[in-house]
C-alpha atoms as a PDB file:
ATOM      1  CA  MET A   1     100.060 113.196 128.127  1.00  0.00           C
ATOM      2  CA  LYS A   2     103.477 114.763 128.380  1.00  0.00           C
ATOM      3  CA  GLN A   3     104.729 115.833 124.950  1.00  0.00           C
ATOM      4  CA  GLU A   4     108.238 117.159 124.561  1.00  0.00           C
ATOM      5  CA  PRO A   5     109.937 118.134 121.319  1.00  0.00           C
ATOM      6  CA  SER A   6     112.472 115.542 120.272  1.00  0.00           C
ATOM      7  CA  ALA A   7     115.752 115.912 118.514  1.00  0.00           C
ATOM      8  CA  GLU A   8     116.162 114.388 115.097  1.00  0.00           C
ATOM      9  CA  ARG A   9     115.965 110.647 115.575  1.00  0.00           C
ATOM     10  CA  GLY A  10     116.861 107.463 113.776  1.00  0.00           C
ATOM     11  CA  GLN A  11     117.838 106.990 110.193  1.00  0.00           C
ATOM     12  CA  ASP A  12     117.264 110.015 107.970  1.00  0.00           C
ATOM     13  CA  LEU A  13     117.840 108.608 104.491  1.00  0.00           C
ATOM     14  CA  ALA A  14     117.344 110.404 101.178  1.00  0.00           C
ATOM     15  CA  THR A  15     114.026 109.553  99.525  1.00  0.00           C
ATOM     16  CA  ALA A  16     111.959 110.384  96.497  1.00  0.00           C
ATOM     17  CA  ALA A  17     109.803 112.515  98.792  1.00  0.00           C
ATOM     18  CA  ASP A  18     112.528 115.224  99.062  1.00  0.00           C
ATOM     19  CA  PRO A  19     113.589 114.985 102.702  1.00  0.00           C
ATOM     20  CA  THR A  20     115.125 118.449 103.058  1.00  0.00           C
ATOM     21  CA  ALA A  21     114.391 120.162 106.333  1.00  0.00           C
ATOM     22  CA  ALA A  22     112.519 122.963 104.557  1.00  0.00           C
ATOM     23  CA  SER A  23     110.184 120.574 102.741  1.00  0.00           C
ATOM     24  CA  ASP A  24     109.655 118.578 105.941  1.00  0.00           C
ATOM     25  CA  GLU A  25     108.341 121.770 107.561  1.00  0.00           C
ATOM     26  CA  VAL A  26     106.025 122.473 104.604  1.00  0.00           C
ATOM     27  CA  TRP A  27     104.486 119.006 104.632  1.00  0.00           C
ATOM     28  CA  MET A  28     104.206 119.010 108.425  1.00  0.00           C
ATOM     29  CA  ALA A  29     102.245 122.262 108.198  1.00  0.00           C
ATOM     30  CA  GLN A  30      99.676 120.375 106.112  1.00  0.00           C
ATOM     31  CA  ALA A  31      99.542 117.584 108.695  1.00  0.00           C
ATOM     32  CA  LEU A  32      99.010 120.210 111.418  1.00  0.00           C
ATOM     33  CA  ALA A  33      96.072 121.657 109.466  1.00  0.00           C
ATOM     34  CA  LEU A  34      94.536 118.176 109.402  1.00  0.00           C
ATOM     35  CA  ALA A  35      95.162 117.839 113.155  1.00  0.00           C
ATOM     36  CA  ARG A  36      93.110 121.003 113.623  1.00  0.00           C
ATOM     37  CA  GLN A  37      90.371 119.358 111.510  1.00  0.00           C
ATOM     38  CA  ALA A  38      90.381 116.399 113.898  1.00  0.00           C
ATOM     39  CA  GLU A  39      90.116 118.774 116.837  1.00  0.00           C
ATOM     40  CA  SER A  40      87.154 120.577 115.269  1.00  0.00           C
ATOM     41  CA  ASP A  41      85.490 117.159 114.866  1.00  0.00           C
ATOM     42  CA  GLY A  42      85.989 116.509 118.605  1.00  0.00           C
ATOM     43  CA  GLU A  43      88.757 113.974 117.973  1.00  0.00           C
ATOM     44  CA  VAL A  44      92.292 113.906 119.409  1.00  0.00           C
ATOM     45  CA  PRO A  45      94.157 116.413 117.192  1.00  0.00           C
ATOM     46  CA  VAL A  46      96.462 114.284 115.064  1.00  0.00           C
ATOM     47  CA  GLY A  47      96.866 114.754 111.323  1.00  0.00           C
ATOM     48  CA  ALA A  48      98.889 113.014 108.621  1.00  0.00           C
ATOM     49  CA  VAL A  49      99.795 113.368 104.949  1.00  0.00           C
ATOM     50  CA  VAL A  50     101.511 110.913 102.601  1.00  0.00           C
ATOM     51  CA  VAL A  51     103.824 112.486 100.033  1.00  0.00           C
ATOM     52  CA  LEU A  52     105.243 110.845  96.913  1.00  0.00           C
ATOM     53  CA  ASP A  53     107.278 112.612  94.229  1.00  0.00           C
ATOM     54  CA  ASN A  54     106.674 115.937  95.974  1.00  0.00           C
ATOM     55  CA  GLN A  55     102.860 115.523  95.787  1.00  0.00           C
ATOM     56  CA  VAL A  56     100.358 114.775  98.535  1.00  0.00           C
ATOM     57  CA  ILE A  57      98.737 111.442  97.675  1.00  0.00           C
ATOM     58  CA  GLY A  58      96.987 110.800 101.000  1.00  0.00           C
ATOM     59  CA  ARG A  59      95.455 112.789 103.818  1.00  0.00           C
ATOM     60  CA  GLY A  60      94.062 111.681 107.158  1.00  0.00           C
ATOM     61  CA  TRP A  61      93.173 112.840 110.621  1.00  0.00           C
ATOM     62  CA  ASN A  62      92.031 111.033 113.736  1.00  0.00           C
ATOM     63  CA  ARG A  63      88.457 109.744 113.382  1.00  0.00           C
ATOM     64  CA  PRO A  64      88.104 106.703 115.667  1.00  0.00           C
ATOM     65  CA  VAL A  65      85.220 108.162 117.692  1.00  0.00           C
ATOM     66  CA  GLY A  66      83.232 109.610 114.789  1.00  0.00           C
ATOM     67  CA  ASP A  67      83.731 106.521 112.623  1.00  0.00           C
ATOM     68  CA  CYS A  68      83.297 104.021 115.519  1.00  0.00           C
ATOM     69  CA  ASP A  69      86.578 102.495 114.363  1.00  0.00           C
ATOM     70  CA  ALA A  70      89.456 101.721 116.731  1.00  0.00           C
ATOM     71  CA  THR A  71      91.823 101.763 113.718  1.00  0.00           C
ATOM     72  CA  GLY A  72      90.750 105.264 112.669  1.00  0.00           C
ATOM     73  CA  HIS A  73      94.101 106.895 113.457  1.00  0.00           C
ATOM     74  CA  ALA A  74      95.391 109.714 111.260  1.00  0.00           C
ATOM     75  CA  GLU A  75      98.181 107.545 109.802  1.00  0.00           C
ATOM     76  CA  ILE A  76      95.831 104.687 108.892  1.00  0.00           C
ATOM     77  CA  ASN A  77      93.380 107.089 107.238  1.00  0.00           C
ATOM     78  CA  ALA A  78      96.190 108.788 105.289  1.00  0.00           C
ATOM     79  CA  ILE A  79      97.627 105.420 104.180  1.00  0.00           C
ATOM     80  CA  ARG A  80      94.184 104.226 103.046  1.00  0.00           C
ATOM     81  CA  ASP A  81      93.689 107.440 101.066  1.00  0.00           C
ATOM     82  CA  ALA A  82      97.170 107.171  99.496  1.00  0.00           C
ATOM     83  CA  CYS A  83      96.647 103.518  98.532  1.00  0.00           C
ATOM     84  CA  ARG A  84      93.368 104.399  96.818  1.00  0.00           C
ATOM     85  CA  THR A  85      95.083 107.301  95.022  1.00  0.00           C
ATOM     86  CA  VAL A  86      97.879 105.162  93.568  1.00  0.00           C
ATOM     87  CA  GLY A  87      95.804 102.009  93.187  1.00  0.00           C
ATOM     88  CA  ASN A  88      98.176  99.852  95.208  1.00  0.00           C
ATOM     89  CA  TYR A  89      98.482  98.699  98.810  1.00  0.00           C
ATOM     90  CA  ARG A  90     102.229  99.390  98.687  1.00  0.00           C
ATOM     91  CA  LEU A  91     103.659 102.920  98.772  1.00  0.00           C
ATOM     92  CA  PRO A  92     107.393 102.568  98.011  1.00  0.00           C
ATOM     93  CA  GLY A  93     109.253 105.869  97.949  1.00  0.00           C
ATOM     94  CA  ALA A  94     106.536 107.633  99.957  1.00  0.00           C
ATOM     95  CA  CYS A  95     107.022 109.722 103.083  1.00  0.00           C
ATOM     96  CA  LEU A  96     104.381 109.979 105.803  1.00  0.00           C
ATOM     97  CA  TYR A  97     104.205 113.176 107.861  1.00  0.00           C
ATOM     98  CA  VAL A  98     102.276 112.908 111.126  1.00  0.00           C
ATOM     99  CA  THR A  99     101.940 115.283 114.046  1.00  0.00           C
ATOM    100  CA  LEU A 100     102.384 112.619 116.761  1.00  0.00           C
ATOM    101  CA  GLU A 101     104.815 109.719 116.982  1.00  0.00           C
ATOM    102  CA  PRO A 102     103.066 106.637 115.524  1.00  0.00           C
ATOM    103  CA  CYS A 103     101.756 103.914 117.820  1.00  0.00           C
ATOM    104  CA  ALA A 104     102.542 100.217 117.308  1.00  0.00           C
ATOM    105  CA  MET A 105      99.457  99.649 115.135  1.00  0.00           C
ATOM    106  CA  CYS A 106     100.323 102.555 112.852  1.00  0.00           C
ATOM    107  CA  ALA A 107     104.021 101.625 112.739  1.00  0.00           C
ATOM    108  CA  GLY A 108     103.008  98.141 111.610  1.00  0.00           C
ATOM    109  CA  ALA A 109     100.758  99.543 108.889  1.00  0.00           C
ATOM    110  CA  ILE A 110     103.531 101.900 107.748  1.00  0.00           C
ATOM    111  CA  GLY A 111     105.880  98.947 107.378  1.00  0.00           C
ATOM    112  CA  HIS A 112     103.305  96.800 105.568  1.00  0.00           C
ATOM    113  CA  ALA A 113     102.623  99.672 103.140  1.00  0.00           C
ATOM    114  CA  ARG A 114     106.386  99.841 102.487  1.00  0.00           C
ATOM    115  CA  ILE A 115     106.481 103.566 103.230  1.00  0.00           C
ATOM    116  CA  GLU A 116     110.093 104.666 102.951  1.00  0.00           C
ATOM    117  CA  ARG A 117     110.235 107.447 105.527  1.00  0.00           C
ATOM    118  CA  VAL A 118     108.237 108.854 108.445  1.00  0.00           C
ATOM    119  CA  VAL A 119     108.540 112.384 109.807  1.00  0.00           C
ATOM    120  CA  TYR A 120     106.649 113.085 113.009  1.00  0.00           C
ATOM    121  CA  GLY A 121     106.109 116.002 115.353  1.00  0.00           C
ATOM    122  CA  ALA A 122     105.625 115.340 119.058  1.00  0.00           C
ATOM    123  CA  ASP A 123     106.950 112.315 120.910  1.00  0.00           C
ATOM    124  CA  ASP A 124     104.308 110.044 122.452  1.00  0.00           C
ATOM    125  CA  PHE A 125     105.599 108.816 125.808  1.00  0.00           C
ATOM    126  CA  ARG A 126     102.501 106.658 126.361  1.00  0.00           C
ATOM    127  CA  ALA A 127     102.245 104.756 123.075  1.00  0.00           C
ATOM    128  CA  GLY A 128     105.048 105.853 120.726  1.00  0.00           C
ATOM    129  CA  ALA A 129     106.483 103.032 118.645  1.00  0.00           C
ATOM    130  CA  VAL A 130     109.304 104.847 116.840  1.00  0.00           C
ATOM    131  CA  HIS A 131     111.506 105.488 119.869  1.00  0.00           C
ATOM    132  CA  SER A 132     109.539 106.498 122.987  1.00  0.00           C
ATOM    133  CA  ILE A 133     108.201 103.077 124.053  1.00  0.00           C
ATOM    134  CA  PHE A 134     109.169 100.796 121.158  1.00  0.00           C
ATOM    135  CA  ALA A 135     111.589 101.145 118.234  1.00  0.00           C
ATOM    136  CA  VAL A 136     109.617  99.236 115.611  1.00  0.00           C
ATOM    137  CA  PHE A 137     111.365 100.826 112.635  1.00  0.00           C
ATOM    138  CA  ASP A 138     114.775  99.875 114.026  1.00  0.00           C
ATOM    139  CA  GLU A 139     113.861  96.222 114.647  1.00  0.00           C
ATOM    140  CA  PRO A 140     116.447  94.174 112.695  1.00  0.00           C
ATOM    141  CA  ARG A 141     114.160  91.138 112.416  1.00  0.00           C
ATOM    142  CA  LEU A 142     111.658  93.029 110.253  1.00  0.00           C
ATOM    143  CA  ASN A 143     112.232  92.889 106.513  1.00  0.00           C
ATOM    144  CA  HIS A 144     111.340  96.533 105.711  1.00  0.00           C
ATOM    145  CA  ARG A 145     113.332  99.487 107.012  1.00  0.00           C
ATOM    146  CA  VAL A 146     111.592 102.817 107.555  1.00  0.00           C
ATOM    147  CA  ALA A 147     113.751 105.911 107.886  1.00  0.00           C
ATOM    148  CA  HIS A 148     112.433 108.322 110.491  1.00  0.00           C
ATOM    149  CA  ARG A 149     112.844 111.826 111.814  1.00  0.00           C
ATOM    150  CA  GLY A 150     111.133 113.200 114.915  1.00  0.00           C
ATOM    151  CA  GLY A 151     110.627 116.670 116.292  1.00  0.00           C
ATOM    152  CA  VAL A 152     109.428 118.462 113.146  1.00  0.00           C
ATOM    153  CA  GLY A 153     106.664 120.811 114.267  1.00  0.00           C
ATOM    154  CA  ALA A 154     106.868 119.226 117.712  1.00  0.00           C
ATOM    155  CA  GLU A 155     106.052 122.345 119.697  1.00  0.00           C
ATOM    156  CA  GLU A 156     102.887 123.147 117.759  1.00  0.00           C
ATOM    157  CA  SER A 157     101.825 119.491 117.690  1.00  0.00           C
ATOM    158  CA  ALA A 158     102.317 119.125 121.444  1.00  0.00           C
ATOM    159  CA  ALA A 159     100.549 122.434 122.126  1.00  0.00           C
ATOM    160  CA  LEU A 160      97.468 121.246 120.182  1.00  0.00           C
ATOM    161  CA  LEU A 161      97.398 118.019 122.175  1.00  0.00           C
ATOM    162  CA  ARG A 162      97.895 119.749 125.533  1.00  0.00           C
ATOM    163  CA  ALA A 163      95.109 122.260 124.811  1.00  0.00           C
ATOM    164  CA  PHE A 164      92.751 119.495 123.670  1.00  0.00           C
ATOM    165  CA  PHE A 165      93.258 117.369 126.785  1.00  0.00           C
ATOM    166  CA  ARG A 166      93.215 120.408 129.104  1.00  0.00           C
ATOM    167  CA  ALA A 167      89.806 121.402 127.649  1.00  0.00           C
ATOM    168  CA  ARG A 168      88.547 117.824 127.936  1.00  0.00           C
ATOM    169  CA  ARG A 169      89.603 117.592 131.607  1.00  0.00           C
ATOM    170  CA  SER A 170      87.916 120.922 132.443  1.00  0.00           C
ATOM    171  CA  ARG A 171      84.520 119.693 131.160  1.00  0.00           C
END
């Protein structure tokens, strides 16, 4: 899985989640900590946090193997946690921080949850649905627009993934 840092991508609109570059780095650091949790659980190291009004309302990391759940991606788990926290299946004004570019399933869930903005780390050239393979958030036929920024914490995110898959291949 080739992971390269990306430049800032797509729409980067102001949100209630304080989209300054400094705060993006802070929240991404929390997502990276959750990615390390996934790795310690033997899962692909991807972590995610959902932030609303400068507060974390949802946390998730990859758990598809441990939970026997194909939908157990970090973003889905973080969205589920955030929805339970606020008591609503919609998360307007929220920003999701994730260490790897979301796949099509996760991009769809992000849109359905009405998340306002996504910030991700490493590009995913095999399944990325923000810009690498698909551009779901830029699809004009969809009724919800999601602002997005890539490349935040990309080097560390990609390094975690490379190390994980290198170790897996050497077994």
